[in-house]
Amino acid sequence: MSKQYLTLHTLTSAHPSDIFALAPKKTRLLSASGASSINIYDTTQSDFPLVQTLENAHPLGIHHLVTAREAQRAASAGFEGKVKIWSAEGENGEWSLDGEIVDGNKPGDVWAIALSADGNYLASSSINGKVNVWALDQQGMPKIREYETKGSFGLCVDLSADGRFTASGHENGSIYIFNNDTSRLSHSVAGLVHPVRSVAFSPASKLLAAAGDARIIALYDVNSGEQVANLTGHGGWVLSVDWSDTGEYLLSASHDSKAKIWRIETRTCVATHSHGDKPLWSAKWLPKVAGRSEMFALGGGNQNIAFYREAAG
């Protein structure tokens, strides 16, 4: 059974270079690119107006930007090697700099980042394969965990919604799941052979989706480490995966310029949307809001941000 989504609005030339990251909040969408600033859009209005710009957030450009699910906190990672923490007062508040993670970082020491649901912890991957966890609610934002892998570049990382697990995907195809309670490796799961560019825990923290240059999306059982499904259909590297609030659907973005929506119960693709002819770097569901249809946003190499909503049944 297919699902239909309608294009709501497209923000053209939202950034002057490739849009690498979209990070949603309940009433806002934050976006970042190879340029230095972070843009913030109001998702409650039909034209999704730009309401704030964090100028010169990272002078060499931004490769990752994430938000906390349950807190008004965001984090950005720049090509110069810095990680900045941002916060806002209230859903409609202005975002401002809340601090920096300072650990003698140089470019590559921190690559991908993820925030815990409560915004108190940040996980990061690195070019040397190490996966670190930082306590943002402690003085000086110290590193509290350092997980060792086999040394392959960590291209992606995620924290489970329940805070129990950290997952990372690597250039050599390896995927690791670490237990934050014991600070030990839970599973080194069957990898994808090719680089893994996105990992994401389901909302219930029971499944892990992983995808990358193999052009497939693999689903793993977090507790057992077993691979339970392969989702196939993209014609290029899969660059981004994101779960819907309920965990019923998975949204994916690919180098083939397409976004796909997968129904997890049936393991099938139920919708496909093209986003120009450039790589699609990021696809994100917007948080479910009462009275609003299911919505998602796409951003990539064509420098536009497109918003979609589910068609009325």
C-alpha atoms as a PDB file:
ATOM      1  CA  MET A   1       0.000   0.000   0.000  1.00  0.00           C
ATOM      2  CA  SER A   2       1.462   3.338  -1.035  1.00  0.00           C
ATOM      3  CA  LYS A   3       1.319   6.677   0.753  1.00  0.00           C
ATOM      4  CA  GLN A   4       0.978  10.057  -0.926  1.00  0.00           C
ATOM      5  CA  TYR A   5       2.796  13.204   0.080  1.00  0.00           C
ATOM      6  CA  LEU A   6       2.289  16.657  -1.396  1.00  0.00           C
ATOM      7  CA  THR A   7       4.923  19.358  -1.796  1.00  0.00           C
ATOM      8  CA  LEU A   8       3.971  22.086   0.664  1.00  0.00           C
ATOM      9  CA  HIS A   9       6.679  24.641  -0.016  1.00  0.00           C
ATOM     10  CA  THR A  10      10.228  24.910  -1.322  1.00  0.00           C
ATOM     11  CA  LEU A  11      12.769  27.366   0.036  1.00  0.00           C
ATOM     12  CA  THR A  12      15.036  28.082  -2.944  1.00  0.00           C
ATOM     13  CA  SER A  13      18.691  28.997  -2.389  1.00  0.00           C
ATOM     14  CA  ALA A  14      18.233  28.459   1.342  1.00  0.00           C
ATOM     15  CA  HIS A  15      22.024  28.290   1.674  1.00  0.00           C
ATOM     16  CA  PRO A  16      24.840  29.301  -0.710  1.00  0.00           C
ATOM     17  CA  SER A  17      26.264  25.744  -0.796  1.00  0.00           C
ATOM     18  CA  ASP A  18      25.224  22.106  -0.265  1.00  0.00           C
ATOM     19  CA  ILE A  19      22.814  21.674   2.637  1.00  0.00           C
ATOM     20  CA  PHE A  20      24.396  18.924   4.725  1.00  0.00           C
ATOM     21  CA  ALA A  21      22.058  18.851   7.720  1.00  0.00           C
ATOM     22  CA  LEU A  22      18.468  19.498   8.760  1.00  0.00           C
ATOM     23  CA  ALA A  23      17.533  19.403  12.450  1.00  0.00           C
ATOM     24  CA  PRO A  24      13.860  19.760  13.442  1.00  0.00           C
ATOM     25  CA  LYS A  25      12.174  20.990  16.604  1.00  0.00           C
ATOM     26  CA  LYS A  26       8.448  21.210  17.313  1.00  0.00           C
ATOM     27  CA  THR A  27       7.988  24.663  15.729  1.00  0.00           C
ATOM     28  CA  ARG A  28      11.351  25.195  14.044  1.00  0.00           C
ATOM     29  CA  LEU A  29      13.708  23.665  11.488  1.00  0.00           C
ATOM     30  CA  LEU A  30      17.427  24.351  11.784  1.00  0.00           C
ATOM     31  CA  SER A  31      19.608  23.916   8.688  1.00  0.00           C
ATOM     32  CA  ALA A  32      23.331  23.984   7.971  1.00  0.00           C
ATOM     33  CA  SER A  33      25.566  23.786   4.937  1.00  0.00           C
ATOM     34  CA  GLY A  34      29.093  24.142   3.635  1.00  0.00           C
ATOM     35  CA  ALA A  35      28.697  27.840   4.443  1.00  0.00           C
ATOM     36  CA  SER A  36      29.293  29.304   7.898  1.00  0.00           C
ATOM     37  CA  SER A  37      25.802  30.105   9.218  1.00  0.00           C
ATOM     38  CA  ILE A  38      22.878  28.168  10.704  1.00  0.00           C
ATOM     39  CA  ASN A  39      19.391  29.115   9.502  1.00  0.00           C
ATOM     40  CA  ILE A  40      16.244  28.678  11.585  1.00  0.00           C
ATOM     41  CA  TYR A  41      12.788  28.468   9.968  1.00  0.00           C
ATOM     42  CA  ASP A  42       9.283  28.649  11.462  1.00  0.00           C
ATOM     43  CA  THR A  43       7.472  25.399  10.574  1.00  0.00           C
ATOM     44  CA  THR A  44       4.085  26.581  11.856  1.00  0.00           C
ATOM     45  CA  GLN A  45       3.572  28.976   8.925  1.00  0.00           C
ATOM     46  CA  SER A  46       2.730  27.937   5.372  1.00  0.00           C
ATOM     47  CA  ASP A  47       5.705  29.753   3.829  1.00  0.00           C
ATOM     48  CA  PHE A  48       8.209  28.469   6.435  1.00  0.00           C
ATOM     49  CA  PRO A  49       9.815  31.902   6.954  1.00  0.00           C
ATOM     50  CA  LEU A  50      13.411  32.395   8.056  1.00  0.00           C
ATOM     51  CA  VAL A  51      13.177  33.717  11.626  1.00  0.00           C
ATOM     52  CA  GLN A  52      16.811  33.679  12.753  1.00  0.00           C
ATOM     53  CA  THR A  53      20.325  33.212  11.409  1.00  0.00           C
ATOM     54  CA  LEU A  54      23.262  32.236  13.616  1.00  0.00           C
ATOM     55  CA  GLU A  55      25.918  34.131  11.699  1.00  0.00           C
ATOM     56  CA  ASN A  56      29.415  32.729  11.282  1.00  0.00           C
ATOM     57  CA  ALA A  57      28.668  29.736  13.517  1.00  0.00           C
ATOM     58  CA  HIS A  58      31.577  27.830  11.928  1.00  0.00           C
ATOM     59  CA  PRO A  59      33.816  29.852   9.581  1.00  0.00           C
ATOM     60  CA  LEU A  60      34.797  26.896   7.348  1.00  0.00           C
ATOM     61  CA  GLY A  61      31.295  25.444   7.065  1.00  0.00           C
ATOM     62  CA  ILE A  62      29.169  22.935   8.965  1.00  0.00           C
ATOM     63  CA  HIS A  63      29.024  19.202   8.277  1.00  0.00           C
ATOM     64  CA  HIS A  64      26.683  18.073  11.080  1.00  0.00           C
ATOM     65  CA  LEU A  65      23.817  19.712  12.977  1.00  0.00           C
ATOM     66  CA  VAL A  66      21.515  17.927  15.437  1.00  0.00           C
ATOM     67  CA  THR A  67      18.771  18.745  17.940  1.00  0.00           C
ATOM     68  CA  ALA A  68      17.628  17.108  21.168  1.00  0.00           C
ATOM     69  CA  ARG A  69      14.209  15.490  20.935  1.00  0.00           C
ATOM     70  CA  GLU A  70      12.888  16.691  24.309  1.00  0.00           C
ATOM     71  CA  ALA A  71      15.013  19.770  25.053  1.00  0.00           C
ATOM     72  CA  GLN A  72      15.622  23.120  23.400  1.00  0.00           C
ATOM     73  CA  ARG A  73      19.221  22.258  22.625  1.00  0.00           C
ATOM     74  CA  ALA A  74      21.176  21.849  19.393  1.00  0.00           C
ATOM     75  CA  ALA A  75      24.763  21.008  18.489  1.00  0.00           C
ATOM     76  CA  SER A  76      26.816  21.773  15.389  1.00  0.00           C
ATOM     77  CA  ALA A  77      30.139  20.425  14.134  1.00  0.00           C
ATOM     78  CA  GLY A  78      32.271  22.481  11.774  1.00  0.00           C
ATOM     79  CA  PHE A  79      35.042  21.717   9.331  1.00  0.00           C
ATOM     80  CA  GLU A  80      37.455  23.684  11.546  1.00  0.00           C
ATOM     81  CA  GLY A  81      37.060  20.973  14.216  1.00  0.00           C
ATOM     82  CA  LYS A  82      34.854  22.726  16.767  1.00  0.00           C
ATOM     83  CA  VAL A  83      31.582  21.527  18.276  1.00  0.00           C
ATOM     84  CA  LYS A  84      29.201  24.238  19.469  1.00  0.00           C
ATOM     85  CA  ILE A  85      26.187  23.815  21.720  1.00  0.00           C
ATOM     86  CA  TRP A  86      23.117  26.034  21.216  1.00  0.00           C
ATOM     87  CA  SER A  87      20.017  26.538  23.324  1.00  0.00           C
ATOM     88  CA  ALA A  88      16.717  28.413  23.233  1.00  0.00           C
ATOM     89  CA  GLU A  89      14.231  29.473  25.890  1.00  0.00           C
ATOM     90  CA  GLY A  90      10.826  28.040  24.995  1.00  0.00           C
ATOM     91  CA  GLU A  91       9.656  26.663  21.651  1.00  0.00           C
ATOM     92  CA  ASN A  92       9.665  30.056  19.935  1.00  0.00           C
ATOM     93  CA  GLY A  93      12.693  31.501  21.689  1.00  0.00           C
ATOM     94  CA  GLU A  94      15.851  32.863  20.087  1.00  0.00           C
ATOM     95  CA  TRP A  95      18.705  30.402  19.782  1.00  0.00           C
ATOM     96  CA  SER A  96      22.066  31.388  21.250  1.00  0.00           C
ATOM     97  CA  LEU A  97      25.474  29.856  21.934  1.00  0.00           C
ATOM     98  CA  ASP A  98      25.496  27.781  25.114  1.00  0.00           C
ATOM     99  CA  GLY A  99      29.068  26.549  25.025  1.00  0.00           C
ATOM    100  CA  GLU A 100      31.786  24.685  23.148  1.00  0.00           C
ATOM    101  CA  ILE A 101      33.295  21.257  23.581  1.00  0.00           C
ATOM    102  CA  VAL A 102      36.970  21.991  24.061  1.00  0.00           C
ATOM    103  CA  ASP A 103      39.341  19.043  24.195  1.00  0.00           C
ATOM    104  CA  GLY A 104      42.198  20.196  22.018  1.00  0.00           C
ATOM    105  CA  ASN A 105      40.089  19.183  19.053  1.00  0.00           C
ATOM    106  CA  LYS A 106      41.561  19.477  15.606  1.00  0.00           C
ATOM    107  CA  PRO A 107      39.752  18.748  12.342  1.00  0.00           C
ATOM    108  CA  GLY A 108      38.760  15.067  12.326  1.00  0.00           C
ATOM    109  CA  ASP A 109      38.763  14.577  16.100  1.00  0.00           C
ATOM    110  CA  VAL A 110      35.002  15.099  15.989  1.00  0.00           C
ATOM    111  CA  TRP A 111      32.998  14.225  12.884  1.00  0.00           C
ATOM    112  CA  ALA A 112      29.418  13.024  13.270  1.00  0.00           C
ATOM    113  CA  ILE A 113      27.445  14.041  16.377  1.00  0.00           C
ATOM    114  CA  ALA A 114      24.208  13.030  18.129  1.00  0.00           C
ATOM    115  CA  LEU A 115      22.340  14.443  21.119  1.00  0.00           C
ATOM    116  CA  SER A 116      20.475  12.458  23.750  1.00  0.00           C
ATOM    117  CA  ALA A 117      16.716  13.036  23.992  1.00  0.00           C
ATOM    118  CA  ASP A 118      17.128  15.194  27.111  1.00  0.00           C
ATOM    119  CA  GLY A 119      19.992  17.179  25.574  1.00  0.00           C
ATOM    120  CA  ASN A 120      22.387  16.324  28.406  1.00  0.00           C
ATOM    121  CA  TYR A 121      24.746  14.079  26.423  1.00  0.00           C
ATOM    122  CA  LEU A 122      26.484  14.323  23.070  1.00  0.00           C
ATOM    123  CA  ALA A 123      28.062  11.418  21.211  1.00  0.00           C
ATOM    124  CA  SER A 124      30.703  11.974  18.549  1.00  0.00           C
ATOM    125  CA  SER A 125      32.606   9.900  16.038  1.00  0.00           C
ATOM    126  CA  SER A 126      36.122  10.611  14.813  1.00  0.00           C
ATOM    127  CA  ILE A 127      38.512  10.049  11.936  1.00  0.00           C
ATOM    128  CA  ASN A 128      40.538   7.609  14.088  1.00  0.00           C
ATOM    129  CA  GLY A 129      37.490   5.452  14.857  1.00  0.00           C
ATOM    130  CA  LYS A 130      37.005   6.439  18.493  1.00  0.00           C
ATOM    131  CA  VAL A 131      33.465   7.147  19.686  1.00  0.00           C
ATOM    132  CA  ASN A 132      33.151   9.616  22.557  1.00  0.00           C
ATOM    133  CA  VAL A 133      30.319  10.684  24.845  1.00  0.00           C
ATOM    134  CA  TRP A 134      30.298  14.122  26.496  1.00  0.00           C
ATOM    135  CA  ALA A 135      28.253  15.324  29.495  1.00  0.00           C
ATOM    136  CA  LEU A 136      26.799  18.688  28.509  1.00  0.00           C
ATOM    137  CA  ASP A 137      25.111  19.224  31.886  1.00  0.00           C
ATOM    138  CA  GLN A 138      28.407  19.123  33.780  1.00  0.00           C
ATOM    139  CA  GLN A 139      30.831  21.989  34.280  1.00  0.00           C
ATOM    140  CA  GLY A 140      33.187  22.241  31.308  1.00  0.00           C
ATOM    141  CA  MET A 141      31.186  19.649  29.316  1.00  0.00           C
ATOM    142  CA  PRO A 142      33.682  16.811  30.013  1.00  0.00           C
ATOM    143  CA  LYS A 143      34.197  13.630  28.023  1.00  0.00           C
ATOM    144  CA  ILE A 144      32.767  10.785  30.141  1.00  0.00           C
ATOM    145  CA  ARG A 145      33.170   7.786  27.816  1.00  0.00           C
ATOM    146  CA  GLU A 146      35.606   6.796  25.077  1.00  0.00           C
ATOM    147  CA  TYR A 147      34.762   3.719  23.043  1.00  0.00           C
ATOM    148  CA  GLU A 148      37.459   2.018  20.987  1.00  0.00           C
ATOM    149  CA  THR A 149      36.797   0.483  17.570  1.00  0.00           C
ATOM    150  CA  LYS A 150      39.126  -0.995  14.971  1.00  0.00           C
ATOM    151  CA  GLY A 151      40.262   2.452  13.903  1.00  0.00           C
ATOM    152  CA  SER A 152      38.186   3.053  10.781  1.00  0.00           C
ATOM    153  CA  PHE A 153      36.798   6.572  10.222  1.00  0.00           C
ATOM    154  CA  GLY A 154      33.507   6.955  12.112  1.00  0.00           C
ATOM    155  CA  LEU A 155      31.149   8.474   9.549  1.00  0.00           C
ATOM    156  CA  CYS A 156      27.983   8.451  11.694  1.00  0.00           C
ATOM    157  CA  VAL A 157      26.762   8.074  15.258  1.00  0.00           C
ATOM    158  CA  ASP A 158      23.485   7.965  17.186  1.00  0.00           C
ATOM    159  CA  LEU A 159      22.208   7.770  20.767  1.00  0.00           C
ATOM    160  CA  SER A 160      19.123   5.699  21.571  1.00  0.00           C
ATOM    161  CA  ALA A 161      16.051   7.525  22.867  1.00  0.00           C
ATOM    162  CA  ASP A 162      16.222   5.645  26.171  1.00  0.00           C
ATOM    163  CA  GLY A 163      19.866   6.690  26.602  1.00  0.00           C
ATOM    164  CA  ARG A 164      21.117   3.125  26.973  1.00  0.00           C
ATOM    165  CA  PHE A 165      22.998   2.710  23.689  1.00  0.00           C
ATOM    166  CA  THR A 166      25.424   4.487  21.369  1.00  0.00           C
ATOM    167  CA  ALA A 167      25.827   3.239  17.791  1.00  0.00           C
ATOM    168  CA  SER A 168      28.432   4.115  15.190  1.00  0.00           C
ATOM    169  CA  GLY A 169      28.992   3.349  11.509  1.00  0.00           C
ATOM    170  CA  HIS A 170      32.408   3.359   9.879  1.00  0.00           C
ATOM    171  CA  GLU A 171      34.190   3.766   6.575  1.00  0.00           C
ATOM    172  CA  ASN A 172      35.170   0.079   6.457  1.00  0.00           C
ATOM    173  CA  GLY A 173      31.525  -1.005   6.792  1.00  0.00           C
ATOM    174  CA  SER A 174      31.707  -1.829  10.500  1.00  0.00           C
ATOM    175  CA  ILE A 175      28.761  -1.067  12.800  1.00  0.00           C
ATOM    176  CA  TYR A 176      29.093  -1.029  16.585  1.00  0.00           C
ATOM    177  CA  ILE A 177      26.491  -0.840  19.365  1.00  0.00           C
ATOM    178  CA  PHE A 178      27.815   0.211  22.791  1.00  0.00           C
ATOM    179  CA  ASN A 179      26.023  -0.081  26.144  1.00  0.00           C
ATOM    180  CA  ASN A 180      26.214   3.255  27.957  1.00  0.00           C
ATOM    181  CA  ASP A 181      25.263   1.664  31.308  1.00  0.00           C
ATOM    182  CA  THR A 182      28.231  -0.707  31.306  1.00  0.00           C
ATOM    183  CA  SER A 183      30.510   1.375  29.018  1.00  0.00           C
ATOM    184  CA  ARG A 184      31.154  -1.788  27.019  1.00  0.00           C
ATOM    185  CA  LEU A 185      30.655  -2.994  23.468  1.00  0.00           C
ATOM    186  CA  SER A 186      27.299  -4.771  23.145  1.00  0.00           C
ATOM    187  CA  HIS A 187      27.515  -5.848  19.515  1.00  0.00           C
ATOM    188  CA  SER A 188      29.809  -5.582  16.534  1.00  0.00           C
ATOM    189  CA  VAL A 189      27.097  -6.374  14.014  1.00  0.00           C
ATOM    190  CA  ALA A 190      27.343  -7.824  10.536  1.00  0.00           C
ATOM    191  CA  GLY A 191      28.510  -4.823   8.547  1.00  0.00           C
ATOM    192  CA  LEU A 192      27.633  -3.581   5.100  1.00  0.00           C
ATOM    193  CA  VAL A 193      31.163  -4.028   3.599  1.00  0.00           C
ATOM    194  CA  HIS A 194      30.971  -0.514   2.145  1.00  0.00           C
ATOM    195  CA  PRO A 195      31.114   2.770   4.135  1.00  0.00           C
ATOM    196  CA  VAL A 196      28.190   3.317   6.536  1.00  0.00           C
ATOM    197  CA  ARG A 197      26.982   6.927   6.385  1.00  0.00           C
ATOM    198  CA  SER A 198      23.932   6.944   8.658  1.00  0.00           C
ATOM    199  CA  VAL A 199      22.766   5.050  11.733  1.00  0.00           C
ATOM    200  CA  ALA A 200      19.524   5.703  13.615  1.00  0.00           C
ATOM    201  CA  PHE A 201      17.801   4.020  16.558  1.00  0.00           C
ATOM    202  CA  SER A 202      14.039   3.523  16.376  1.00  0.00           C
ATOM    203  CA  PRO A 203      11.977   5.583  18.875  1.00  0.00           C
ATOM    204  CA  ALA A 204      11.484   2.509  21.087  1.00  0.00           C
ATOM    205  CA  SER A 205      15.263   1.815  20.952  1.00  0.00           C
ATOM    206  CA  LYS A 206      14.593  -1.734  19.718  1.00  0.00           C
ATOM    207  CA  LEU A 207      15.867  -1.450  16.122  1.00  0.00           C
ATOM    208  CA  LEU A 208      18.887   0.196  14.536  1.00  0.00           C
ATOM    209  CA  ALA A 209      18.782   1.311  10.905  1.00  0.00           C
ATOM    210  CA  ALA A 210      22.124   1.564   9.110  1.00  0.00           C
ATOM    211  CA  ALA A 211      22.828   2.626   5.539  1.00  0.00           C
ATOM    212  CA  GLY A 212      25.549   3.853   3.228  1.00  0.00           C
ATOM    213  CA  ASP A 213      27.449   3.098   0.060  1.00  0.00           C
ATOM    214  CA  ALA A 214      26.029  -0.437  -0.218  1.00  0.00           C
ATOM    215  CA  ARG A 215      22.785   1.278  -1.326  1.00  0.00           C
ATOM    216  CA  ILE A 216      20.732  -0.754   1.120  1.00  0.00           C
ATOM    217  CA  ILE A 217      19.253   0.005   4.534  1.00  0.00           C
ATOM    218  CA  ALA A 218      19.903  -2.736   7.067  1.00  0.00           C
ATOM    219  CA  LEU A 219      17.759  -3.161  10.188  1.00  0.00           C
ATOM    220  CA  TYR A 220      19.262  -4.723  13.309  1.00  0.00           C
ATOM    221  CA  ASP A 221      17.750  -5.927  16.566  1.00  0.00           C
ATOM    222  CA  VAL A 222      19.496  -3.807  19.212  1.00  0.00           C
ATOM    223  CA  ASN A 223      19.322  -6.432  21.970  1.00  0.00           C
ATOM    224  CA  SER A 224      20.551  -9.418  19.964  1.00  0.00           C
ATOM    225  CA  GLY A 225      22.622  -7.633  17.301  1.00  0.00           C
ATOM    226  CA  GLU A 226      20.971  -9.758  14.612  1.00  0.00           C
ATOM    227  CA  GLN A 227      20.204  -8.314  11.185  1.00  0.00           C
ATOM    228  CA  VAL A 228      16.429  -8.615  10.698  1.00  0.00           C
ATOM    229  CA  ALA A 229      15.841  -6.893   7.330  1.00  0.00           C
ATOM    230  CA  ASN A 230      17.343  -5.308   4.224  1.00  0.00           C
ATOM    231  CA  LEU A 231      15.501  -2.464   2.498  1.00  0.00           C
ATOM    232  CA  THR A 232      16.570  -2.109  -1.134  1.00  0.00           C
ATOM    233  CA  GLY A 233      15.640   0.324  -3.891  1.00  0.00           C
ATOM    234  CA  HIS A 234      17.973   3.305  -3.826  1.00  0.00           C
ATOM    235  CA  GLY A 235      20.202   3.741  -6.856  1.00  0.00           C
ATOM    236  CA  GLY A 236      22.986   5.559  -5.013  1.00  0.00           C
ATOM    237  CA  TRP A 237      24.673   5.834  -1.625  1.00  0.00           C
ATOM    238  CA  VAL A 238      22.149   6.220   1.195  1.00  0.00           C
ATOM    239  CA  LEU A 239      23.205   9.337   3.081  1.00  0.00           C
ATOM    240  CA  SER A 240      20.531   9.796   5.743  1.00  0.00           C
ATOM    241  CA  VAL A 241      17.882   7.739   7.572  1.00  0.00           C
ATOM    242  CA  ASP A 242      15.296   9.021  10.049  1.00  0.00           C
ATOM    243  CA  TRP A 243      12.469   7.286  11.954  1.00  0.00           C
ATOM    244  CA  SER A 244       8.946   8.660  12.224  1.00  0.00           C
ATOM    245  CA  ASP A 245       7.701   9.484  15.743  1.00  0.00           C
ATOM    246  CA  THR A 246       5.793   6.201  15.980  1.00  0.00           C
ATOM    247  CA  GLY A 247       8.530   4.042  14.467  1.00  0.00           C
ATOM    248  CA  GLU A 248       6.109   2.830  11.778  1.00  0.00           C
ATOM    249  CA  TYR A 249       8.031   4.474   8.944  1.00  0.00           C
ATOM    250  CA  LEU A 250      11.624   5.174   7.997  1.00  0.00           C
ATOM    251  CA  LEU A 251      12.630   8.092   5.772  1.00  0.00           C
ATOM    252  CA  SER A 252      15.812   7.818   3.694  1.00  0.00           C
ATOM    253  CA  ALA A 253      17.824  10.194   1.509  1.00  0.00           C
ATOM    254  CA  SER A 254      20.293   9.189  -1.173  1.00  0.00           C
ATOM    255  CA  HIS A 255      23.023  10.340  -3.523  1.00  0.00           C
ATOM    256  CA  ASP A 256      20.547   9.358  -6.267  1.00  0.00           C
ATOM    257  CA  SER A 257      18.587  12.582  -5.405  1.00  0.00           C
ATOM    258  CA  LYS A 258      15.632  10.591  -4.087  1.00  0.00           C
ATOM    259  CA  ALA A 259      13.897  10.296  -0.733  1.00  0.00           C
ATOM    260  CA  LYS A 260      12.033   7.108   0.113  1.00  0.00           C
ATOM    261  CA  ILE A 261       9.548   6.235   2.837  1.00  0.00           C
ATOM    262  CA  TRP A 262       9.536   2.653   4.104  1.00  0.00           C
ATOM    263  CA  ARG A 263       6.806   0.888   6.055  1.00  0.00           C
ATOM    264  CA  ILE A 264       8.666  -1.099   8.686  1.00  0.00           C
ATOM    265  CA  GLU A 265       5.941  -3.697   9.287  1.00  0.00           C
ATOM    266  CA  THR A 266       5.936  -4.828   5.650  1.00  0.00           C
ATOM    267  CA  ARG A 267       9.567  -3.879   4.846  1.00  0.00           C
ATOM    268  CA  THR A 268       8.350  -2.073   1.714  1.00  0.00           C
ATOM    269  CA  CYS A 269       8.874   1.316   0.104  1.00  0.00           C
ATOM    270  CA  VAL A 270       5.547   3.185   0.113  1.00  0.00           C
ATOM    271  CA  ALA A 271       6.613   6.532  -1.411  1.00  0.00           C
ATOM    272  CA  THR A 272       9.492   8.003  -3.454  1.00  0.00           C
ATOM    273  CA  HIS A 273      10.224  11.697  -4.068  1.00  0.00           C
ATOM    274  CA  SER A 274      12.905  13.311  -6.234  1.00  0.00           C
ATOM    275  CA  HIS A 275      14.792  16.381  -5.034  1.00  0.00           C
ATOM    276  CA  GLY A 276      16.423  17.777  -8.169  1.00  0.00           C
ATOM    277  CA  ASP A 277      19.457  16.060  -9.634  1.00  0.00           C
ATOM    278  CA  LYS A 278      22.048  16.602  -6.891  1.00  0.00           C
ATOM    279  CA  PRO A 279      22.870  14.469  -3.825  1.00  0.00           C
ATOM    280  CA  LEU A 280      20.195  14.526  -1.148  1.00  0.00           C
ATOM    281  CA  TRP A 281      22.180  14.864   2.061  1.00  0.00           C
ATOM    282  CA  SER A 282      19.437  15.075   4.667  1.00  0.00           C
ATOM    283  CA  ALA A 283      15.821  13.968   5.107  1.00  0.00           C
ATOM    284  CA  LYS A 284      14.012  14.582   8.407  1.00  0.00           C
ATOM    285  CA  TRP A 285      10.522  14.050   9.735  1.00  0.00           C
ATOM    286  CA  LEU A 286       9.061  17.086  11.457  1.00  0.00           C
ATOM    287  CA  PRO A 287       7.782  16.318  14.972  1.00  0.00           C
ATOM    288  CA  LYS A 288       4.168  15.223  15.101  1.00  0.00           C
ATOM    289  CA  VAL A 289       1.949  18.132  16.122  1.00  0.00           C
ATOM    290  CA  ALA A 290      -1.761  17.834  16.969  1.00  0.00           C
ATOM    291  CA  GLY A 291      -3.930  18.867  14.055  1.00  0.00           C
ATOM    292  CA  ARG A 292      -1.067  18.738  11.540  1.00  0.00           C
ATOM    293  CA  SER A 293      -0.537  16.123   8.863  1.00  0.00           C
ATOM    294  CA  GLU A 294       2.622  14.043   8.836  1.00  0.00           C
ATOM    295  CA  MET A 295       5.430  16.172   7.395  1.00  0.00           C
ATOM    296  CA  PHE A 296       9.067  15.884   6.378  1.00  0.00           C
ATOM    297  CA  ALA A 297      11.809  18.102   4.943  1.00  0.00           C
ATOM    298  CA  LEU A 298      14.566  17.457   2.408  1.00  0.00           C
ATOM    299  CA  GLY A 299      17.866  19.264   1.833  1.00  0.00           C
ATOM    300  CA  GLY A 300      20.859  18.628  -0.396  1.00  0.00           C
ATOM    301  CA  GLY A 301      23.131  19.676  -3.204  1.00  0.00           C
ATOM    302  CA  ASN A 302      20.604  21.875  -4.999  1.00  0.00           C
ATOM    303  CA  GLN A 303      20.705  24.259  -1.984  1.00  0.00           C
ATOM    304  CA  ASN A 304      16.904  24.115  -1.570  1.00  0.00           C
ATOM    305  CA  ILE A 305      14.813  22.903   1.355  1.00  0.00           C
ATOM    306  CA  ALA A 306      11.558  21.210   0.359  1.00  0.00           C
ATOM    307  CA  PHE A 307       8.683  20.507   2.751  1.00  0.00           C
ATOM    308  CA  TYR A 308       6.155  17.714   2.214  1.00  0.00           C
ATOM    309  CA  ARG A 309       2.977  16.697   3.994  1.00  0.00           C
ATOM    310  CA  GLU A 310       0.907  13.547   3.868  1.00  0.00           C
ATOM    311  CA  ALA A 311      -2.096  13.808   1.561  1.00  0.00           C
ATOM    312  CA  ALA A 312      -5.470  13.556   3.256  1.00  0.00           C
ATOM    313  CA  GLY A 313      -6.893  10.066   3.041  1.00  0.00           C
END
